[in-house]
Amino acid sequence: MLHKSRGIVLRAVKYGDTSLIVSIFTELFGLQSYIVNGARSSKPKAAKGNLLQPGNILELVVYHNEIKNLQRISEFKLGHIYHTVQLNVVKNTVALYIIELLQKCLKQPEQHLDLYYFTESTLQLLDISEIAVVANLPLYFTLKVGEFLGFRLNGHFSEYTPYLDLQEGTYTDLPPHHINHLDPVYSELTDQLFRCTAVQHLAAISMNKEKRRKLLYAYLDFFQLHLPDFTEMHSPPILHEILDA
């Protein structure tokens, strides 16, 4: 049966002489793998294979069979045309971080509607946002992905609860008896990020590159505590080098 769905390309791997196997986070079916025949041939029609770049948002018409691990695409086209993401090295690096985080988190072919819509919206806002917003976007996105996957932070920073226990995911009055926690400075910054109701508000949260670096690695440790198969990411060092702010 054919279905219409939007999707975000996560990975494309060469298969055979002319084909690709493409991993796509879809609106309807969550994470899916598709074989696209002829996407790498010399024929003009194969130029559409260039649309299957990680981060691209697509409109899809797909065949779906729940008992199969590898699906097929009937039609696909761009669902959003980026204006700056692919040209601006900072925005492109942030987009690659977003895509890698999803690759690490999404393992099963199950629908995640809220996460899908949030990711698509974030990528589109990344395309039009100023750099002051972009610098804090990886932190904000990481916290929100955790929330959508079921391990959101509980409580808020205050003078009575100044420590964020990453192991329990909650703010506490005293530092816990383990290393997986944030001190009051970083706990407060995390609360400011988490309380943001719109991406544009991220520009108002001021921090230097060292604080961003420490927070991002703390959030990734938080993921490892709550997702047993979450493995080390490769994009954060590149991200910190490119942002440098």
Protein backbone atom coordinates (compact mmCIF):
# COMPACT_ATOMS: atom_id res chain seq x y z
CA MET A 1 0.00 0.00 0.00
CA LEU A 2 1.20 3.52 -0.81
CA HIS A 3 1.41 6.20 1.90
CA LYS A 4 2.22 9.91 1.78
CA SER A 5 4.59 11.08 4.50
CA ARG A 6 7.20 13.69 5.21
CA GLY A 7 10.65 12.58 6.26
CA ILE A 8 14.11 13.78 7.32
CA VAL A 9 17.10 12.03 5.76
CA LEU A 10 19.51 10.70 8.40
CA ARG A 11 21.96 8.64 6.34
CA ALA A 12 22.55 7.42 2.79
CA VAL A 13 24.80 4.42 2.11
CA LYS A 14 25.90 3.16 -1.30
CA TYR A 15 24.39 -0.19 -2.31
CA GLY A 16 25.54 -2.07 -5.37
CA ASP A 17 26.66 -0.12 -8.41
CA THR A 18 23.88 2.44 -8.66
CA SER A 19 21.62 2.26 -5.62
CA LEU A 20 21.38 3.77 -2.15
CA ILE A 21 20.00 2.54 1.13
CA VAL A 22 18.60 5.59 2.87
CA SER A 23 17.73 5.91 6.55
CA ILE A 24 14.84 8.36 6.97
CA PHE A 25 13.04 9.60 10.09
CA THR A 26 9.49 9.63 8.75
CA GLU A 27 6.41 11.38 10.02
CA LEU A 28 4.16 8.30 9.76
CA PHE A 29 6.43 5.36 10.53
CA GLY A 30 9.36 6.74 12.51
CA LEU A 31 12.79 5.45 11.53
CA GLN A 32 12.74 3.50 8.26
CA SER A 33 15.26 2.20 5.74
CA TYR A 34 14.54 2.52 2.02
CA ILE A 35 16.31 1.17 -1.03
CA VAL A 36 16.44 3.66 -3.90
CA ASN A 37 17.45 1.97 -7.14
CA GLY A 38 19.35 3.91 -9.80
CA ALA A 39 20.04 6.89 -7.52
CA ARG A 40 23.72 6.89 -8.49
CA SER A 41 23.60 6.10 -12.21
CA SER A 42 24.71 8.46 -14.98
CA LYS A 43 21.16 8.91 -16.27
CA PRO A 44 19.58 12.36 -15.81
CA LYS A 45 16.76 10.84 -13.75
CA ALA A 46 19.33 9.73 -11.15
CA ALA A 47 20.06 13.37 -10.32
CA LYS A 48 17.17 13.12 -7.86
CA GLY A 49 19.53 11.06 -5.75
CA ASN A 50 21.21 14.34 -4.80
CA LEU A 51 18.11 15.15 -2.75
CA LEU A 52 18.89 12.25 -0.41
CA GLN A 53 21.46 14.21 1.59
CA PRO A 54 21.42 13.98 5.42
CA GLY A 55 19.29 16.76 6.87
CA ASN A 56 17.07 17.22 3.83
CA ILE A 57 13.34 17.35 4.50
CA LEU A 58 11.38 15.35 1.93
CA GLU A 59 7.83 14.75 0.80
CA LEU A 60 7.54 11.03 0.21
CA VAL A 61 5.23 8.49 -1.34
CA VAL A 62 6.33 5.14 0.06
CA TYR A 63 5.43 1.48 0.09
CA HIS A 64 5.17 0.19 3.64
CA ASN A 65 5.12 -3.40 4.81
CA GLU A 66 5.44 -3.83 8.57
CA ILE A 67 7.10 -7.24 8.30
CA LYS A 68 9.93 -5.91 6.10
CA ASN A 69 13.06 -4.17 7.31
CA LEU A 70 13.78 -2.56 3.96
CA GLN A 71 11.04 -0.50 2.31
CA ARG A 72 10.75 1.17 -1.10
CA ILE A 73 10.08 4.75 -2.17
CA SER A 74 7.68 5.42 -5.03
CA GLU A 75 8.24 9.19 -5.23
CA PHE A 76 10.18 11.84 -3.36
CA LYS A 77 10.84 15.55 -3.60
CA LEU A 78 12.11 18.32 -1.34
CA GLY A 79 9.64 19.33 1.33
CA HIS A 80 11.71 22.36 2.31
CA ILE A 81 14.39 24.28 0.43
CA TYR A 82 17.21 25.50 2.67
CA HIS A 83 18.55 28.98 2.00
CA THR A 84 21.49 29.16 4.45
CA VAL A 85 22.01 25.77 6.14
CA GLN A 86 24.01 24.25 3.30
CA LEU A 87 26.01 27.45 2.66
CA ASN A 88 26.81 28.57 6.22
CA VAL A 89 29.43 26.35 7.87
CA VAL A 90 28.14 27.05 11.40
CA LYS A 91 24.54 26.20 10.57
CA ASN A 92 25.59 23.18 8.53
CA THR A 93 27.60 21.83 11.46
CA VAL A 94 24.66 22.32 13.85
CA ALA A 95 22.40 20.50 11.37
CA LEU A 96 24.86 17.59 11.22
CA TYR A 97 24.88 17.44 15.04
CA ILE A 98 21.06 17.29 15.06
CA ILE A 99 21.10 14.47 12.51
CA GLU A 100 23.77 12.48 14.36
CA LEU A 101 21.89 12.79 17.66
CA LEU A 102 18.77 11.37 16.00
CA GLN A 103 20.84 8.54 14.50
CA LYS A 104 22.07 7.63 17.98
CA CYS A 105 18.65 7.85 19.63
CA LEU A 106 16.27 6.34 17.08
CA LYS A 107 16.76 2.59 16.88
CA GLN A 108 13.29 1.13 16.40
CA PRO A 109 10.77 1.77 13.59
CA GLU A 110 8.13 3.38 15.79
CA GLN A 111 6.23 6.61 15.25
CA HIS A 112 7.43 9.68 17.17
CA LEU A 113 5.09 12.39 15.90
CA ASP A 114 5.99 15.10 18.41
CA LEU A 115 9.71 14.53 17.99
CA TYR A 116 9.37 14.49 14.20
CA TYR A 117 7.48 17.81 14.08
CA PHE A 118 9.88 19.38 16.57
CA THR A 119 12.92 18.28 14.54
CA GLU A 120 11.50 19.50 11.25
CA SER A 121 10.58 22.84 12.82
CA THR A 122 14.05 23.16 14.40
CA LEU A 123 15.82 22.57 11.08
CA GLN A 124 13.63 25.15 9.36
CA LEU A 125 14.23 27.69 12.15
CA LEU A 126 17.97 26.97 11.99
CA ASP A 127 17.82 28.04 8.36
CA ILE A 128 16.48 31.52 9.20
CA SER A 129 17.93 32.20 12.66
CA GLU A 130 20.76 34.52 13.64
CA ILE A 131 24.02 33.10 14.97
CA ALA A 132 23.22 34.10 18.58
CA VAL A 133 20.32 31.63 18.43
CA VAL A 134 22.26 28.99 16.53
CA ALA A 135 25.04 28.82 19.15
CA ASN A 136 22.64 27.62 21.85
CA LEU A 137 20.48 25.49 19.57
CA PRO A 138 22.36 22.18 20.04
CA LEU A 139 21.89 22.43 23.81
CA TYR A 140 18.20 23.23 23.53
CA PHE A 141 17.58 20.51 20.94
CA THR A 142 19.36 17.89 23.04
CA LEU A 143 17.29 18.65 26.14
CA LYS A 144 14.07 18.55 24.14
CA VAL A 145 14.91 15.25 22.46
CA GLY A 146 15.38 13.75 25.92
CA GLU A 147 11.94 15.03 26.90
CA PHE A 148 10.29 13.54 23.81
CA LEU A 149 11.99 10.19 24.44
CA GLY A 150 10.63 10.03 27.97
CA PHE A 151 13.41 11.24 30.28
CA ARG A 152 12.56 14.89 30.78
CA LEU A 153 13.97 16.97 33.62
CA ASN A 154 11.75 17.34 36.68
CA GLY A 155 11.49 20.48 38.78
CA HIS A 156 13.29 23.79 38.26
CA PHE A 157 16.33 25.64 39.49
CA SER A 158 15.84 27.77 42.61
CA GLU A 159 17.79 28.84 45.68
CA TYR A 160 16.24 25.80 47.39
CA THR A 161 16.99 23.35 44.54
CA PRO A 162 20.25 24.56 43.00
CA TYR A 163 21.69 21.21 41.86
CA LEU A 164 20.62 19.18 38.83
CA ASP A 165 20.94 15.45 39.44
CA LEU A 166 21.43 13.99 35.94
CA GLN A 167 21.10 10.43 37.18
CA GLU A 168 17.60 11.05 38.54
CA GLY A 169 16.74 13.89 36.16
CA THR A 170 15.62 16.22 38.92
CA TYR A 171 16.68 19.39 40.77
CA THR A 172 17.74 18.85 44.39
CA ASP A 173 18.61 20.91 47.45
CA LEU A 174 21.99 19.21 48.00
CA PRO A 175 24.58 17.78 45.60
CA PRO A 176 23.98 14.04 45.14
CA HIS A 177 26.56 11.48 46.20
CA HIS A 178 27.72 10.75 42.65
CA ILE A 179 29.48 12.67 39.88
CA ASN A 180 26.52 12.88 37.50
CA HIS A 181 25.24 16.27 38.54
CA LEU A 182 25.60 19.95 37.66
CA ASP A 183 26.63 22.74 40.00
CA PRO A 184 24.34 25.76 40.53
CA VAL A 185 25.76 27.80 37.63
CA TYR A 186 25.20 25.07 35.05
CA SER A 187 21.96 23.95 36.66
CA GLU A 188 20.54 27.45 36.27
CA LEU A 189 21.64 27.69 32.63
CA THR A 190 20.00 24.33 31.95
CA ASP A 191 16.76 25.54 33.49
CA GLN A 192 16.85 28.69 31.34
CA LEU A 193 17.32 26.58 28.22
CA PHE A 194 14.59 24.13 29.16
CA ARG A 195 12.09 26.89 29.91
CA CYS A 196 12.48 28.45 26.45
CA THR A 197 9.13 28.42 24.68
CA ALA A 198 10.53 29.45 21.29
CA VAL A 199 13.86 28.89 19.56
CA GLN A 200 14.28 32.64 19.02
CA HIS A 201 14.45 33.16 22.80
CA LEU A 202 17.74 31.24 22.93
CA ALA A 203 19.62 34.40 21.92
CA ALA A 204 18.85 35.90 25.34
CA ILE A 205 20.73 33.13 27.18
CA SER A 206 24.31 34.32 27.46
CA MET A 207 27.20 31.89 27.92
CA ASN A 208 30.72 31.43 26.59
CA LYS A 209 32.03 28.53 24.54
CA GLU A 210 33.49 26.73 27.58
CA LYS A 211 30.12 26.67 29.31
CA ARG A 212 28.44 25.43 26.12
CA ARG A 213 31.04 22.69 25.78
CA LYS A 214 30.65 21.51 29.36
CA LEU A 215 26.86 21.56 29.17
CA LEU A 216 26.69 19.65 25.91
CA TYR A 217 28.91 16.85 27.17
CA ALA A 218 26.91 16.74 30.41
CA TYR A 219 23.68 16.36 28.42
CA LEU A 220 25.21 13.58 26.33
CA ASP A 221 26.25 11.84 29.58
CA PHE A 222 22.61 12.26 30.65
CA PHE A 223 21.57 10.40 27.47
CA GLN A 224 24.02 7.60 28.17
CA LEU A 225 22.55 7.19 31.64
CA HIS A 226 19.03 6.79 30.24
CA LEU A 227 19.66 5.11 26.86
CA PRO A 228 21.86 2.03 27.42
CA ASP A 229 22.81 1.71 23.74
CA PHE A 230 23.63 5.39 23.26
CA THR A 231 27.19 5.52 21.91
CA GLU A 232 29.77 8.29 21.64
CA MET A 233 29.05 11.02 19.10
CA HIS A 234 31.61 12.33 16.61
CA SER A 235 30.20 15.77 15.82
CA PRO A 236 30.55 17.63 19.18
CA PRO A 237 34.30 18.37 18.86
CA ILE A 238 33.73 19.73 15.36
CA LEU A 239 30.73 21.69 16.61
CA HIS A 240 32.76 23.35 19.38
CA GLU A 241 35.58 24.17 17.00
CA ILE A 242 33.22 25.76 14.46
CA LEU A 243 31.11 27.69 16.97
CA ASP A 244 34.11 29.03 18.91
CA ALA A 245 31.86 31.47 20.73
